């Protein structure tokens, strides 16, 4: 495993814990991991749709 990846992973965990603490005060039982997880899924879906559109436009030419 790459050292940069390990450092990034630890930084991510610390950020997530801090965000959970800060937002957890305002909204009880709040988990930032869920929002990040769903955001990544949303980005993946958007990328897939855009790729499909580009492929279709290329076939029309």
N, C-alpha and C. Protein backbone atom coordinates (compact mmCIF):
# COMPACT_ATOMS: atom_id res chain seq x y z
N UNK A 1 0.84 -1.20 0.00
CA UNK A 1 0.00 0.00 0.00
C UNK A 1 0.88 1.25 0.00
N UNK A 2 0.46 2.21 -0.77
CA UNK A 2 1.19 3.48 -0.90
C UNK A 2 1.08 4.30 0.38
N UNK A 3 2.18 4.97 0.74
CA UNK A 3 2.19 5.81 1.95
C UNK A 3 1.25 6.99 1.82
N UNK A 4 1.18 7.59 0.63
CA UNK A 4 0.27 8.72 0.40
C UNK A 4 -1.17 8.29 0.60
N UNK A 5 -1.49 7.10 0.14
CA UNK A 5 -2.85 6.58 0.28
C UNK A 5 -3.19 6.39 1.75
N UNK A 6 -2.22 5.85 2.50
CA UNK A 6 -2.42 5.62 3.94
C UNK A 6 -2.66 6.95 4.67
N UNK A 7 -1.86 7.96 4.33
CA UNK A 7 -2.00 9.28 4.95
C UNK A 7 -3.36 9.88 4.58
N UNK A 8 -3.76 9.73 3.33
CA UNK A 8 -5.05 10.25 2.87
C UNK A 8 -6.19 9.57 3.62
N UNK A 9 -6.05 8.26 3.81
CA UNK A 9 -7.08 7.49 4.51
C UNK A 9 -7.23 7.96 5.96
N UNK A 10 -6.10 8.18 6.64
CA UNK A 10 -6.13 8.65 8.03
C UNK A 10 -6.72 10.06 8.10
N UNK A 11 -6.35 10.92 7.15
CA UNK A 11 -6.87 12.29 7.10
C UNK A 11 -8.39 12.26 6.89
N UNK A 12 -8.84 11.39 6.01
CA UNK A 12 -10.27 11.24 5.73
C UNK A 12 -11.03 10.82 6.98
N UNK A 13 -10.47 9.85 7.72
CA UNK A 13 -11.11 9.35 8.94
C UNK A 13 -11.23 10.47 9.97
N UNK A 14 -10.15 11.25 10.15
CA UNK A 14 -10.16 12.36 11.10
C UNK A 14 -11.20 13.40 10.70
N UNK A 15 -11.25 13.75 9.40
CA UNK A 15 -12.23 14.73 8.91
C UNK A 15 -13.65 14.25 9.15
N UNK A 16 -13.90 12.99 8.87
CA UNK A 16 -15.24 12.42 9.04
C UNK A 16 -15.65 12.46 10.51
N UNK A 17 -14.70 12.11 11.41
CA UNK A 17 -15.01 12.13 12.85
C UNK A 17 -15.32 13.54 13.32
N UNK A 18 -14.54 14.51 12.87
CA UNK A 18 -14.78 15.91 13.28
C UNK A 18 -16.10 16.42 12.74
N UNK A 19 -16.40 16.12 11.46
CA UNK A 19 -17.68 16.55 10.88
C UNK A 19 -18.86 15.91 11.62
N UNK A 20 -18.70 14.63 11.99
CA UNK A 20 -19.75 13.95 12.75
C UNK A 20 -19.98 14.64 14.09
N UNK A 21 -18.89 15.04 14.76
CA UNK A 21 -19.02 15.71 16.06
C UNK A 21 -19.71 17.06 15.91
N UNK A 22 -19.26 17.86 14.92
CA UNK A 22 -19.80 19.21 14.74
C UNK A 22 -21.27 19.17 14.35
N UNK A 23 -21.60 18.37 13.34
CA UNK A 23 -22.98 18.31 12.85
C UNK A 23 -23.85 17.50 13.80
N UNK A 24 -23.23 16.56 14.52
CA UNK A 24 -23.96 15.74 15.50
C UNK A 24 -24.58 16.57 16.61
N UNK A 25 -23.98 17.74 16.89
CA UNK A 25 -24.53 18.65 17.90
C UNK A 25 -25.86 19.22 17.39
N UNK A 26 -25.89 19.57 16.09
CA UNK A 26 -27.09 20.17 15.49
C UNK A 26 -28.13 19.09 15.18
N UNK A 27 -27.70 18.02 14.52
CA UNK A 27 -28.61 16.94 14.12
C UNK A 27 -28.16 15.66 14.83
N UNK A 28 -28.89 15.18 15.82
CA UNK A 28 -28.50 13.93 16.51
C UNK A 28 -28.49 12.74 15.55
N UNK A 29 -27.63 11.79 15.84
CA UNK A 29 -27.48 10.56 15.04
C UNK A 29 -27.13 10.84 13.58
N UNK A 30 -26.36 11.89 13.35
CA UNK A 30 -25.96 12.27 11.99
C UNK A 30 -24.67 11.54 11.63
N UNK A 31 -24.62 10.98 10.43
CA UNK A 31 -23.41 10.30 9.96
C UNK A 31 -23.01 10.88 8.61
N UNK A 32 -21.87 11.52 8.57
CA UNK A 32 -21.37 12.14 7.33
C UNK A 32 -20.98 11.07 6.30
N UNK A 33 -20.62 9.86 6.80
CA UNK A 33 -20.22 8.79 5.88
C UNK A 33 -21.35 8.46 4.90
N UNK A 34 -22.59 8.50 5.39
CA UNK A 34 -23.73 8.18 4.52
C UNK A 34 -23.87 9.20 3.40
N UNK A 35 -23.71 10.48 3.74
CA UNK A 35 -23.81 11.53 2.73
C UNK A 35 -22.69 11.37 1.70
N UNK A 36 -21.46 11.10 2.17
CA UNK A 36 -20.32 10.91 1.25
C UNK A 36 -20.58 9.70 0.36
N UNK A 37 -21.09 8.61 0.96
CA UNK A 37 -21.38 7.38 0.22
C UNK A 37 -22.41 7.64 -0.89
N UNK A 38 -23.50 8.32 -0.53
CA UNK A 38 -24.54 8.58 -1.53
C UNK A 38 -24.09 9.59 -2.57
N UNK A 39 -23.26 10.55 -2.16
CA UNK A 39 -22.72 11.53 -3.11
C UNK A 39 -21.84 10.83 -4.14
N UNK A 40 -20.99 9.89 -3.68
CA UNK A 40 -20.13 9.13 -4.60
C UNK A 40 -20.98 8.33 -5.58
N UNK A 41 -22.06 7.72 -5.08
CA UNK A 41 -22.96 6.96 -5.95
C UNK A 41 -23.61 7.87 -6.99
N UNK A 42 -24.05 9.05 -6.55
CA UNK A 42 -24.67 10.02 -7.44
C UNK A 42 -23.70 10.46 -8.53
N UNK A 43 -22.45 10.75 -8.16
CA UNK A 43 -21.43 11.15 -9.13
C UNK A 43 -21.21 10.03 -10.14
N UNK A 44 -21.15 8.77 -9.66
CA UNK A 44 -20.95 7.63 -10.54
C UNK A 44 -22.09 7.52 -11.55
N UNK A 45 -23.33 7.70 -11.09
CA UNK A 45 -24.50 7.61 -11.98
C UNK A 45 -24.45 8.72 -13.02
N UNK A 46 -24.12 9.95 -12.59
CA UNK A 46 -24.03 11.08 -13.53
C UNK A 46 -22.95 10.83 -14.58
N UNK A 47 -21.79 10.32 -14.14
CA UNK A 47 -20.70 10.01 -15.09
C UNK A 47 -21.15 8.96 -16.09
N UNK A 48 -21.84 7.94 -15.63
CA UNK A 48 -22.32 6.87 -16.52
C UNK A 48 -23.30 7.42 -17.55
N UNK A 49 -24.23 8.25 -17.11
CA UNK A 49 -25.22 8.84 -18.02
C UNK A 49 -24.53 9.73 -19.05
N UNK A 50 -23.58 10.55 -18.61
CA UNK A 50 -22.86 11.43 -19.54
C UNK A 50 -22.07 10.61 -20.56
N UNK A 51 -21.43 9.54 -20.10
CA UNK A 51 -20.69 8.67 -21.01
C UNK A 51 -21.63 8.06 -22.05
N UNK A 52 -22.79 7.61 -21.61
CA UNK A 52 -23.79 7.04 -22.51
C UNK A 52 -24.23 8.07 -23.55
N UNK A 53 -24.47 9.31 -23.11
CA UNK A 53 -24.88 10.38 -24.02
C UNK A 53 -23.80 10.65 -25.06
N UNK A 54 -22.55 10.70 -24.63
CA UNK A 54 -21.43 10.95 -25.55
C UNK A 54 -21.33 9.82 -26.58
N UNK A 55 -21.49 8.58 -26.13
CA UNK A 55 -21.43 7.44 -27.05
C UNK A 55 -22.57 7.53 -28.07
N UNK A 56 -23.77 7.87 -27.62
CA UNK A 56 -24.92 8.00 -28.52
C UNK A 56 -24.70 9.13 -29.53
N UNK A 57 -24.18 10.25 -29.08
CA UNK A 57 -23.92 11.38 -29.98
C UNK A 57 -22.87 11.02 -31.03
N UNK A 58 -21.87 10.24 -30.64
CA UNK A 58 -20.84 9.81 -31.59
C UNK A 58 -21.42 8.85 -32.63
N UNK A 59 -22.38 8.03 -32.23
CA UNK A 59 -22.99 7.09 -33.18
C UNK A 59 -23.90 7.81 -34.17
N UNK A 60 -24.44 8.96 -33.79
CA UNK A 60 -25.32 9.72 -34.68
C UNK A 60 -24.58 10.35 -35.84
N UNK A 61 -23.31 10.63 -35.66
CA UNK A 61 -22.53 11.31 -36.71
C UNK A 61 -22.36 10.45 -37.94
